[in-house]
Amino acid sequence: MSRYERWNALLELLAQHGRLTVEEAADTLQVSTATIRRDFDELSQQQMLMRTRGGAVAQSVSYDLPLRYKTARHAGEKQRIAEAAADLVPPGAVVGMNGGTTTSEVARTLALRAHPGAQLTVVTNALNIAAELTVRQNVKLVVTGGVARPQSYELIGPLSSGVLEQVTLDIAFLGVDAIDAVAGASAHHEGEASVNNQLIRRASRVVAVADASKVGRRAFAKICGIGEIDTLITDASLPDAAAAAFAEVGVEVTRV
């Protein structure tokens, strides 16, 4: 287990239990107590947790792991989802995408497939995606304005509207914190949800990309109703009943 994978696991344990002792964490992750103490100290310096005598407690804020700690979760599933998503994009298309680990995988896959004679255009509010694509010669990159949110690297706020109102997208890939066949798509943060909604409204086709752990769940801020999503690409572990619930409301489901 790498350091980032271990930090991710520690933060998720804190999110579940609120408090952890060094010994509990060491037993759960099968590492030494000295390693856990160092991890707690480093995460405390980054203000990701509060250090206590003999352990740590979660910060008393709405829990949302920073993007850099999410990259190891469901990595294989996200890569397969990205491949399936990229299959939907014809040469020369105009593609929109918000932030997140799954959309980041989609962006990488699209960049590798971009055709020299048919420039792909990508519109995004995600700084990490923009940083990866800006050096790709076959990709025309458009970045929205806005204020950067450190948790997700997404640009949010009213400054983004000026760009999004001026573009038309062939397809939008929507990364979500949760998606439900009744409640629709949602995010942990209301600012992200608002910009994501603006983005998908500019698209002819909206494709939600989410591993199965996010399906059937709800988060704080609504992005859009389920009727605004055309396709859901998720992984093969999604149960048949869950897939059928989306199909019943008109969402095409692809499991990879």
C-alpha atoms as a PDB file:
ATOM      1  CA  MET A   1       0.000   0.000   0.000  1.00  0.00           C
ATOM      2  CA  SER A   2       1.435   3.358  -1.056  1.00  0.00           C
ATOM      3  CA  ARG A   3       1.501   6.391   1.194  1.00  0.00           C
ATOM      4  CA  TYR A   4      -1.372   8.053  -0.669  1.00  0.00           C
ATOM      5  CA  GLU A   5      -3.442   4.875  -0.581  1.00  0.00           C
ATOM      6  CA  ARG A   6      -2.801   4.659   3.164  1.00  0.00           C
ATOM      7  CA  TRP A   7      -3.751   8.293   3.704  1.00  0.00           C
ATOM      8  CA  ASN A   8      -6.909   7.758   1.686  1.00  0.00           C
ATOM      9  CA  ALA A   9      -7.806   4.752   3.833  1.00  0.00           C
ATOM     10  CA  LEU A  10      -7.144   6.671   7.057  1.00  0.00           C
ATOM     11  CA  LEU A  11      -9.316   9.585   5.983  1.00  0.00           C
ATOM     12  CA  GLU A  12     -12.135   7.260   4.985  1.00  0.00           C
ATOM     13  CA  LEU A  13     -11.940   5.476   8.351  1.00  0.00           C
ATOM     14  CA  LEU A  14     -12.144   8.841  10.103  1.00  0.00           C
ATOM     15  CA  ALA A  15     -15.128   9.794   7.964  1.00  0.00           C
ATOM     16  CA  GLN A  16     -16.889   6.604   9.062  1.00  0.00           C
ATOM     17  CA  HIS A  17     -15.992   6.602  12.752  1.00  0.00           C
ATOM     18  CA  GLY A  18     -15.105  10.190  13.591  1.00  0.00           C
ATOM     19  CA  ARG A  19     -12.180   9.122  15.786  1.00  0.00           C
ATOM     20  CA  LEU A  20      -9.272   6.668  15.512  1.00  0.00           C
ATOM     21  CA  THR A  21      -6.512   5.577  17.835  1.00  0.00           C
ATOM     22  CA  VAL A  22      -3.049   4.847  16.496  1.00  0.00           C
ATOM     23  CA  GLU A  23      -3.424   1.191  17.455  1.00  0.00           C
ATOM     24  CA  GLU A  24      -6.811   0.826  15.729  1.00  0.00           C
ATOM     25  CA  ALA A  25      -5.492   2.332  12.533  1.00  0.00           C
ATOM     26  CA  ALA A  26      -2.333   0.205  12.606  1.00  0.00           C
ATOM     27  CA  ASP A  27      -4.337  -2.994  13.103  1.00  0.00           C
ATOM     28  CA  THR A  28      -6.795  -2.136  10.331  1.00  0.00           C
ATOM     29  CA  LEU A  29      -4.158  -1.193   7.758  1.00  0.00           C
ATOM     30  CA  GLN A  30      -1.599  -3.796   8.871  1.00  0.00           C
ATOM     31  CA  VAL A  31       1.237  -1.310   9.315  1.00  0.00           C
ATOM     32  CA  SER A  32       3.336  -0.216  12.269  1.00  0.00           C
ATOM     33  CA  THR A  33       2.153   2.286  14.871  1.00  0.00           C
ATOM     34  CA  ALA A  34       5.175   4.447  14.015  1.00  0.00           C
ATOM     35  CA  THR A  35       3.961   4.681  10.407  1.00  0.00           C
ATOM     36  CA  ILE A  36       0.465   5.661  11.537  1.00  0.00           C
ATOM     37  CA  ARG A  37       1.839   8.337  13.882  1.00  0.00           C
ATOM     38  CA  ARG A  38       3.801   9.868  10.998  1.00  0.00           C
ATOM     39  CA  ASP A  39       0.720   9.710   8.759  1.00  0.00           C
ATOM     40  CA  PHE A  40      -1.437  11.399  11.394  1.00  0.00           C
ATOM     41  CA  ASP A  41       1.160  14.126  11.893  1.00  0.00           C
ATOM     42  CA  GLU A  42       1.445  14.843   8.155  1.00  0.00           C
ATOM     43  CA  LEU A  43      -2.319  14.849   7.602  1.00  0.00           C
ATOM     44  CA  SER A  44      -2.723  17.144  10.598  1.00  0.00           C
ATOM     45  CA  GLN A  45      -0.241  19.596   9.068  1.00  0.00           C
ATOM     46  CA  GLN A  46      -2.406  19.620   5.936  1.00  0.00           C
ATOM     47  CA  GLN A  47      -5.484  20.282   8.106  1.00  0.00           C
ATOM     48  CA  MET A  48      -7.114  17.043   6.984  1.00  0.00           C
ATOM     49  CA  LEU A  49      -7.628  15.840  10.569  1.00  0.00           C
ATOM     50  CA  MET A  50      -7.123  16.936  14.173  1.00  0.00           C
ATOM     51  CA  ARG A  51      -4.378  15.205  16.106  1.00  0.00           C
ATOM     52  CA  THR A  52      -5.242  13.967  19.601  1.00  0.00           C
ATOM     53  CA  ARG A  53      -3.256  12.220  22.303  1.00  0.00           C
ATOM     54  CA  GLY A  54      -2.938   8.670  20.998  1.00  0.00           C
ATOM     55  CA  GLY A  55      -4.896   9.178  17.780  1.00  0.00           C
ATOM     56  CA  ALA A  56      -6.855  11.579  15.590  1.00  0.00           C
ATOM     57  CA  VAL A  57     -10.373  12.899  15.025  1.00  0.00           C
ATOM     58  CA  ALA A  58     -12.068  14.041  11.839  1.00  0.00           C
ATOM     59  CA  GLN A  59     -12.331  17.722  11.110  1.00  0.00           C
ATOM     60  CA  SER A  60     -15.719  19.140  12.052  1.00  0.00           C
ATOM     61  CA  VAL A  61     -16.523  20.114   8.479  1.00  0.00           C
ATOM     62  CA  SER A  62     -18.561  18.528   5.723  1.00  0.00           C
ATOM     63  CA  TYR A  63     -16.478  15.562   4.641  1.00  0.00           C
ATOM     64  CA  ASP A  64     -15.169  15.616   1.097  1.00  0.00           C
ATOM     65  CA  LEU A  65     -11.819  14.016   0.312  1.00  0.00           C
ATOM     66  CA  PRO A  66      -9.497  16.164  -1.777  1.00  0.00           C
ATOM     67  CA  LEU A  67      -9.063  14.899  -5.314  1.00  0.00           C
ATOM     68  CA  ARG A  68      -5.419  13.946  -4.770  1.00  0.00           C
ATOM     69  CA  TYR A  69      -6.509  11.353  -2.175  1.00  0.00           C
ATOM     70  CA  LYS A  70      -9.200   9.807  -4.360  1.00  0.00           C
ATOM     71  CA  THR A  71      -7.078   8.700  -7.289  1.00  0.00           C
ATOM     72  CA  ALA A  72      -6.410   5.185  -5.979  1.00  0.00           C
ATOM     73  CA  ARG A  73     -10.052   4.286  -5.370  1.00  0.00           C
ATOM     74  CA  HIS A  74     -11.684   1.995  -7.928  1.00  0.00           C
ATOM     75  CA  ALA A  75      -8.846   2.756 -10.365  1.00  0.00           C
ATOM     76  CA  GLY A  76      -9.462  -0.236 -12.626  1.00  0.00           C
ATOM     77  CA  GLU A  77     -13.174   0.473 -12.874  1.00  0.00           C
ATOM     78  CA  LYS A  78     -12.551   4.110 -13.735  1.00  0.00           C
ATOM     79  CA  GLN A  79     -10.144   3.206 -16.506  1.00  0.00           C
ATOM     80  CA  ARG A  80     -12.694   0.878 -18.078  1.00  0.00           C
ATOM     81  CA  ILE A  81     -15.393   3.530 -17.739  1.00  0.00           C
ATOM     82  CA  ALA A  82     -13.090   6.030 -19.446  1.00  0.00           C
ATOM     83  CA  GLU A  83     -12.478   3.676 -22.368  1.00  0.00           C
ATOM     84  CA  ALA A  84     -16.226   3.183 -22.844  1.00  0.00           C
ATOM     85  CA  ALA A  85     -16.820   6.925 -22.610  1.00  0.00           C
ATOM     86  CA  ALA A  86     -14.148   7.703 -25.181  1.00  0.00           C
ATOM     87  CA  ASP A  87     -15.817   5.257 -27.584  1.00  0.00           C
ATOM     88  CA  LEU A  88     -18.786   7.650 -27.743  1.00  0.00           C
ATOM     89  CA  VAL A  89     -16.735  10.598 -29.007  1.00  0.00           C
ATOM     90  CA  PRO A  90     -16.326  10.978 -32.784  1.00  0.00           C
ATOM     91  CA  PRO A  91     -13.306  12.751 -34.297  1.00  0.00           C
ATOM     92  CA  GLY A  92     -13.566  16.535 -34.102  1.00  0.00           C
ATOM     93  CA  ALA A  93     -16.262  16.575 -31.427  1.00  0.00           C
ATOM     94  CA  VAL A  94     -16.742  19.320 -28.850  1.00  0.00           C
ATOM     95  CA  VAL A  95     -16.696  17.713 -25.407  1.00  0.00           C
ATOM     96  CA  GLY A  96     -17.463  19.173 -21.988  1.00  0.00           C
ATOM     97  CA  MET A  97     -16.384  17.690 -18.692  1.00  0.00           C
ATOM     98  CA  ASN A  98     -16.337  18.701 -15.061  1.00  0.00           C
ATOM     99  CA  GLY A  99     -13.793  17.695 -12.454  1.00  0.00           C
ATOM    100  CA  GLY A 100     -13.282  14.393 -10.675  1.00  0.00           C
ATOM    101  CA  THR A 101     -11.151  11.279 -10.880  1.00  0.00           C
ATOM    102  CA  THR A 102     -13.368   9.522 -13.435  1.00  0.00           C
ATOM    103  CA  THR A 103     -13.620  12.490 -15.793  1.00  0.00           C
ATOM    104  CA  SER A 104      -9.857  12.919 -15.443  1.00  0.00           C
ATOM    105  CA  GLU A 105      -9.459   9.369 -16.742  1.00  0.00           C
ATOM    106  CA  VAL A 106     -11.839  10.180 -19.604  1.00  0.00           C
ATOM    107  CA  ALA A 107      -9.735  13.234 -20.475  1.00  0.00           C
ATOM    108  CA  ARG A 108      -6.514  11.192 -20.556  1.00  0.00           C
ATOM    109  CA  THR A 109      -8.090   8.537 -22.761  1.00  0.00           C
ATOM    110  CA  LEU A 110      -9.512  11.104 -25.175  1.00  0.00           C
ATOM    111  CA  ALA A 111      -6.160  12.863 -25.426  1.00  0.00           C
ATOM    112  CA  LEU A 112      -4.452   9.621 -26.427  1.00  0.00           C
ATOM    113  CA  ARG A 113      -7.086   8.953 -29.069  1.00  0.00           C
ATOM    114  CA  ALA A 114      -7.255  12.481 -30.536  1.00  0.00           C
ATOM    115  CA  HIS A 115      -6.954  12.455 -34.343  1.00  0.00           C
ATOM    116  CA  PRO A 116      -4.307  14.681 -35.940  1.00  0.00           C
ATOM    117  CA  GLY A 117      -6.638  15.707 -38.750  1.00  0.00           C
ATOM    118  CA  ALA A 118      -9.745  16.308 -36.622  1.00  0.00           C
ATOM    119  CA  GLN A 119      -9.028  18.480 -33.620  1.00  0.00           C
ATOM    120  CA  LEU A 120     -10.900  17.547 -30.455  1.00  0.00           C
ATOM    121  CA  THR A 121     -12.265  20.476 -28.437  1.00  0.00           C
ATOM    122  CA  VAL A 122     -12.591  20.103 -24.674  1.00  0.00           C
ATOM    123  CA  VAL A 123     -14.427  22.576 -22.442  1.00  0.00           C
ATOM    124  CA  THR A 124     -13.785  22.103 -18.732  1.00  0.00           C
ATOM    125  CA  ASN A 125     -13.867  23.833 -15.373  1.00  0.00           C
ATOM    126  CA  ALA A 126     -11.275  21.445 -13.924  1.00  0.00           C
ATOM    127  CA  LEU A 127      -7.762  22.822 -13.508  1.00  0.00           C
ATOM    128  CA  ASN A 128      -6.099  19.415 -13.322  1.00  0.00           C
ATOM    129  CA  ILE A 129      -7.727  18.325 -16.589  1.00  0.00           C
ATOM    130  CA  ALA A 130      -6.719  21.606 -18.203  1.00  0.00           C
ATOM    131  CA  ALA A 131      -3.111  21.135 -17.064  1.00  0.00           C
ATOM    132  CA  GLU A 132      -2.961  17.686 -18.675  1.00  0.00           C
ATOM    133  CA  LEU A 133      -4.609  18.683 -21.953  1.00  0.00           C
ATOM    134  CA  THR A 134      -2.946  22.019 -22.593  1.00  0.00           C
ATOM    135  CA  VAL A 135       0.178  20.309 -23.960  1.00  0.00           C
ATOM    136  CA  ARG A 136      -1.778  18.041 -26.308  1.00  0.00           C
ATOM    137  CA  GLN A 137      -1.400  19.373 -29.841  1.00  0.00           C
ATOM    138  CA  ASN A 138      -4.533  17.665 -31.150  1.00  0.00           C
ATOM    139  CA  VAL A 139      -6.770  19.074 -28.408  1.00  0.00           C
ATOM    140  CA  LYS A 140      -8.241  22.566 -28.389  1.00  0.00           C
ATOM    141  CA  LEU A 141      -8.758  23.457 -24.747  1.00  0.00           C
ATOM    142  CA  VAL A 142     -11.338  25.901 -23.382  1.00  0.00           C
ATOM    143  CA  VAL A 143     -11.297  26.601 -19.642  1.00  0.00           C
ATOM    144  CA  THR A 144     -14.136  28.342 -17.845  1.00  0.00           C
ATOM    145  CA  GLY A 145     -13.506  31.212 -15.484  1.00  0.00           C
ATOM    146  CA  GLY A 146     -14.251  31.008 -11.789  1.00  0.00           C
ATOM    147  CA  VAL A 147     -12.737  30.635  -8.355  1.00  0.00           C
ATOM    148  CA  ALA A 148     -10.647  27.512  -7.769  1.00  0.00           C
ATOM    149  CA  ARG A 149     -11.921  25.088  -5.149  1.00  0.00           C
ATOM    150  CA  PRO A 150      -8.906  23.305  -3.602  1.00  0.00           C
ATOM    151  CA  GLN A 151     -10.808  20.120  -2.775  1.00  0.00           C
ATOM    152  CA  SER A 152     -11.622  19.280  -6.383  1.00  0.00           C
ATOM    153  CA  TYR A 153      -9.528  21.672  -8.528  1.00  0.00           C
ATOM    154  CA  GLU A 154     -12.804  22.857 -10.077  1.00  0.00           C
ATOM    155  CA  LEU A 155     -13.516  26.480 -10.982  1.00  0.00           C
ATOM    156  CA  ILE A 156     -16.832  27.570  -9.516  1.00  0.00           C
ATOM    157  CA  GLY A 157     -18.894  30.723  -9.089  1.00  0.00           C
ATOM    158  CA  PRO A 158     -20.586  33.221 -11.437  1.00  0.00           C
ATOM    159  CA  LEU A 159     -17.425  33.935 -13.451  1.00  0.00           C
ATOM    160  CA  SER A 160     -17.850  30.567 -15.157  1.00  0.00           C
ATOM    161  CA  SER A 161     -21.181  31.544 -16.693  1.00  0.00           C
ATOM    162  CA  GLY A 162     -19.654  33.933 -19.215  1.00  0.00           C
ATOM    163  CA  VAL A 163     -17.825  31.139 -21.023  1.00  0.00           C
ATOM    164  CA  LEU A 164     -20.466  28.445 -20.690  1.00  0.00           C
ATOM    165  CA  GLU A 165     -23.183  30.667 -22.125  1.00  0.00           C
ATOM    166  CA  GLN A 166     -21.127  31.048 -25.309  1.00  0.00           C
ATOM    167  CA  VAL A 167     -20.419  27.408 -26.150  1.00  0.00           C
ATOM    168  CA  THR A 168     -22.316  24.457 -27.587  1.00  0.00           C
ATOM    169  CA  LEU A 169     -21.217  20.911 -26.751  1.00  0.00           C
ATOM    170  CA  ASP A 170     -21.763  17.694 -28.656  1.00  0.00           C
ATOM    171  CA  ILE A 171     -21.403  15.623 -25.495  1.00  0.00           C
ATOM    172  CA  ALA A 172     -20.802  16.322 -21.810  1.00  0.00           C
ATOM    173  CA  PHE A 173     -19.231  13.823 -19.448  1.00  0.00           C
ATOM    174  CA  LEU A 174     -20.534  14.401 -15.950  1.00  0.00           C
ATOM    175  CA  GLY A 175     -18.604  13.186 -12.944  1.00  0.00           C
ATOM    176  CA  VAL A 176     -20.762  12.962  -9.817  1.00  0.00           C
ATOM    177  CA  ASP A 177     -20.469  12.331  -6.107  1.00  0.00           C
ATOM    178  CA  ALA A 178     -23.769  10.466  -6.207  1.00  0.00           C
ATOM    179  CA  ILE A 179     -26.419   9.442  -8.713  1.00  0.00           C
ATOM    180  CA  ASP A 180     -29.851   7.992  -8.059  1.00  0.00           C
ATOM    181  CA  ALA A 181     -32.631   6.889 -10.423  1.00  0.00           C
ATOM    182  CA  VAL A 182     -35.104   9.062  -8.508  1.00  0.00           C
ATOM    183  CA  ALA A 183     -33.067  11.958  -7.092  1.00  0.00           C
ATOM    184  CA  GLY A 184     -30.794  12.453 -10.095  1.00  0.00           C
ATOM    185  CA  ALA A 185     -27.146  13.507  -9.968  1.00  0.00           C
ATOM    186  CA  SER A 186     -25.641  15.365  -7.025  1.00  0.00           C
ATOM    187  CA  ALA A 187     -22.402  16.729  -5.585  1.00  0.00           C
ATOM    188  CA  HIS A 188     -21.074  17.445  -2.120  1.00  0.00           C
ATOM    189  CA  HIS A 189     -20.601  21.160  -2.830  1.00  0.00           C
ATOM    190  CA  GLU A 190     -23.311  23.532  -4.056  1.00  0.00           C
ATOM    191  CA  GLY A 191     -20.878  25.644  -6.091  1.00  0.00           C
ATOM    192  CA  GLU A 192     -19.703  22.637  -8.070  1.00  0.00           C
ATOM    193  CA  ALA A 193     -23.284  21.476  -8.598  1.00  0.00           C
ATOM    194  CA  SER A 194     -24.280  24.853 -10.042  1.00  0.00           C
ATOM    195  CA  VAL A 195     -21.448  25.010 -12.569  1.00  0.00           C
ATOM    196  CA  ASN A 196     -21.919  21.347 -13.505  1.00  0.00           C
ATOM    197  CA  ASN A 197     -25.570  22.056 -14.238  1.00  0.00           C
ATOM    198  CA  GLN A 198     -24.626  24.948 -16.505  1.00  0.00           C
ATOM    199  CA  LEU A 199     -22.135  22.744 -18.326  1.00  0.00           C
ATOM    200  CA  ILE A 200     -24.517  19.905 -19.122  1.00  0.00           C
ATOM    201  CA  ARG A 201     -27.238  22.315 -20.268  1.00  0.00           C
ATOM    202  CA  ARG A 202     -24.971  23.261 -23.170  1.00  0.00           C
ATOM    203  CA  ALA A 203     -24.678  19.659 -24.394  1.00  0.00           C
ATOM    204  CA  SER A 204     -26.679  17.678 -26.922  1.00  0.00           C
ATOM    205  CA  ARG A 205     -25.939  14.492 -24.986  1.00  0.00           C
ATOM    206  CA  VAL A 206     -25.151  14.059 -21.281  1.00  0.00           C
ATOM    207  CA  VAL A 207     -23.225  11.004 -20.103  1.00  0.00           C
ATOM    208  CA  ALA A 208     -22.762  10.424 -16.385  1.00  0.00           C
ATOM    209  CA  VAL A 209     -19.575   8.520 -15.559  1.00  0.00           C
ATOM    210  CA  ALA A 210     -19.490   6.946 -12.098  1.00  0.00           C
ATOM    211  CA  ASP A 211     -18.258   3.741 -10.525  1.00  0.00           C
ATOM    212  CA  ALA A 212     -20.927   1.622  -8.847  1.00  0.00           C
ATOM    213  CA  SER A 213     -20.068   2.874  -5.350  1.00  0.00           C
ATOM    214  CA  LYS A 214     -21.724   6.202  -6.253  1.00  0.00           C
ATOM    215  CA  VAL A 215     -24.876   4.725  -7.781  1.00  0.00           C
ATOM    216  CA  GLY A 216     -28.034   4.691  -5.692  1.00  0.00           C
ATOM    217  CA  ARG A 217     -26.672   7.411  -3.417  1.00  0.00           C
ATOM    218  CA  ARG A 218     -27.513  11.045  -2.809  1.00  0.00           C
ATOM    219  CA  ALA A 219     -25.252  13.966  -1.949  1.00  0.00           C
ATOM    220  CA  PHE A 220     -25.938  17.433  -0.561  1.00  0.00           C
ATOM    221  CA  ALA A 221     -26.332  19.541  -3.702  1.00  0.00           C
ATOM    222  CA  LYS A 222     -28.423  18.584  -6.735  1.00  0.00           C
ATOM    223  CA  ILE A 223     -26.716  18.852 -10.119  1.00  0.00           C
ATOM    224  CA  CYS A 224     -29.686  17.840 -12.255  1.00  0.00           C
ATOM    225  CA  GLY A 225     -32.738  15.640 -12.429  1.00  0.00           C
ATOM    226  CA  ILE A 226     -32.425  12.160 -13.851  1.00  0.00           C
ATOM    227  CA  GLY A 227     -34.341  13.261 -16.950  1.00  0.00           C
ATOM    228  CA  GLU A 228     -31.392  15.423 -18.017  1.00  0.00           C
ATOM    229  CA  ILE A 229     -29.029  12.426 -18.222  1.00  0.00           C
ATOM    230  CA  ASP A 230     -29.026  10.318 -21.369  1.00  0.00           C
ATOM    231  CA  THR A 231     -26.488   7.642 -20.470  1.00  0.00           C
ATOM    232  CA  LEU A 232     -24.844   6.234 -17.351  1.00  0.00           C
ATOM    233  CA  ILE A 233     -21.510   4.453 -17.746  1.00  0.00           C
ATOM    234  CA  THR A 234     -20.576   2.494 -14.648  1.00  0.00           C
ATOM    235  CA  ASP A 235     -18.744  -0.690 -13.745  1.00  0.00           C
ATOM    236  CA  ALA A 236     -19.876  -4.301 -13.958  1.00  0.00           C
ATOM    237  CA  SER A 237     -20.507  -4.619 -10.221  1.00  0.00           C
ATOM    238  CA  LEU A 238     -23.735  -2.586 -10.478  1.00  0.00           C
ATOM    239  CA  PRO A 239     -26.610  -4.994  -9.698  1.00  0.00           C
ATOM    240  CA  ASP A 240     -29.187  -5.783 -12.376  1.00  0.00           C
ATOM    241  CA  ALA A 241     -31.972  -4.251 -10.280  1.00  0.00           C
ATOM    242  CA  ALA A 242     -30.130  -0.943 -10.007  1.00  0.00           C
ATOM    243  CA  ALA A 243     -29.462  -0.865 -13.739  1.00  0.00           C
ATOM    244  CA  ALA A 244     -33.116  -1.624 -14.421  1.00  0.00           C
ATOM    245  CA  ALA A 245     -34.213   1.304 -12.237  1.00  0.00           C
ATOM    246  CA  PHE A 246     -32.290   3.694 -14.478  1.00  0.00           C
ATOM    247  CA  ALA A 247     -33.549   2.037 -17.650  1.00  0.00           C
ATOM    248  CA  GLU A 248     -37.133   2.494 -16.440  1.00  0.00           C
ATOM    249  CA  VAL A 249     -36.665   6.278 -16.313  1.00  0.00           C
ATOM    250  CA  GLY A 250     -35.086   6.424 -19.768  1.00  0.00           C
ATOM    251  CA  VAL A 251     -31.381   6.337 -18.935  1.00  0.00           C
ATOM    252  CA  GLU A 252     -29.225   4.035 -21.062  1.00  0.00           C
ATOM    253  CA  VAL A 253     -26.907   2.072 -18.775  1.00  0.00           C
ATOM    254  CA  THR A 254     -23.543   0.708 -19.856  1.00  0.00           C
ATOM    255  CA  ARG A 255     -21.702  -1.583 -17.427  1.00  0.00           C
ATOM    256  CA  VAL A 256     -18.037  -2.297 -18.133  1.00  0.00           C
END
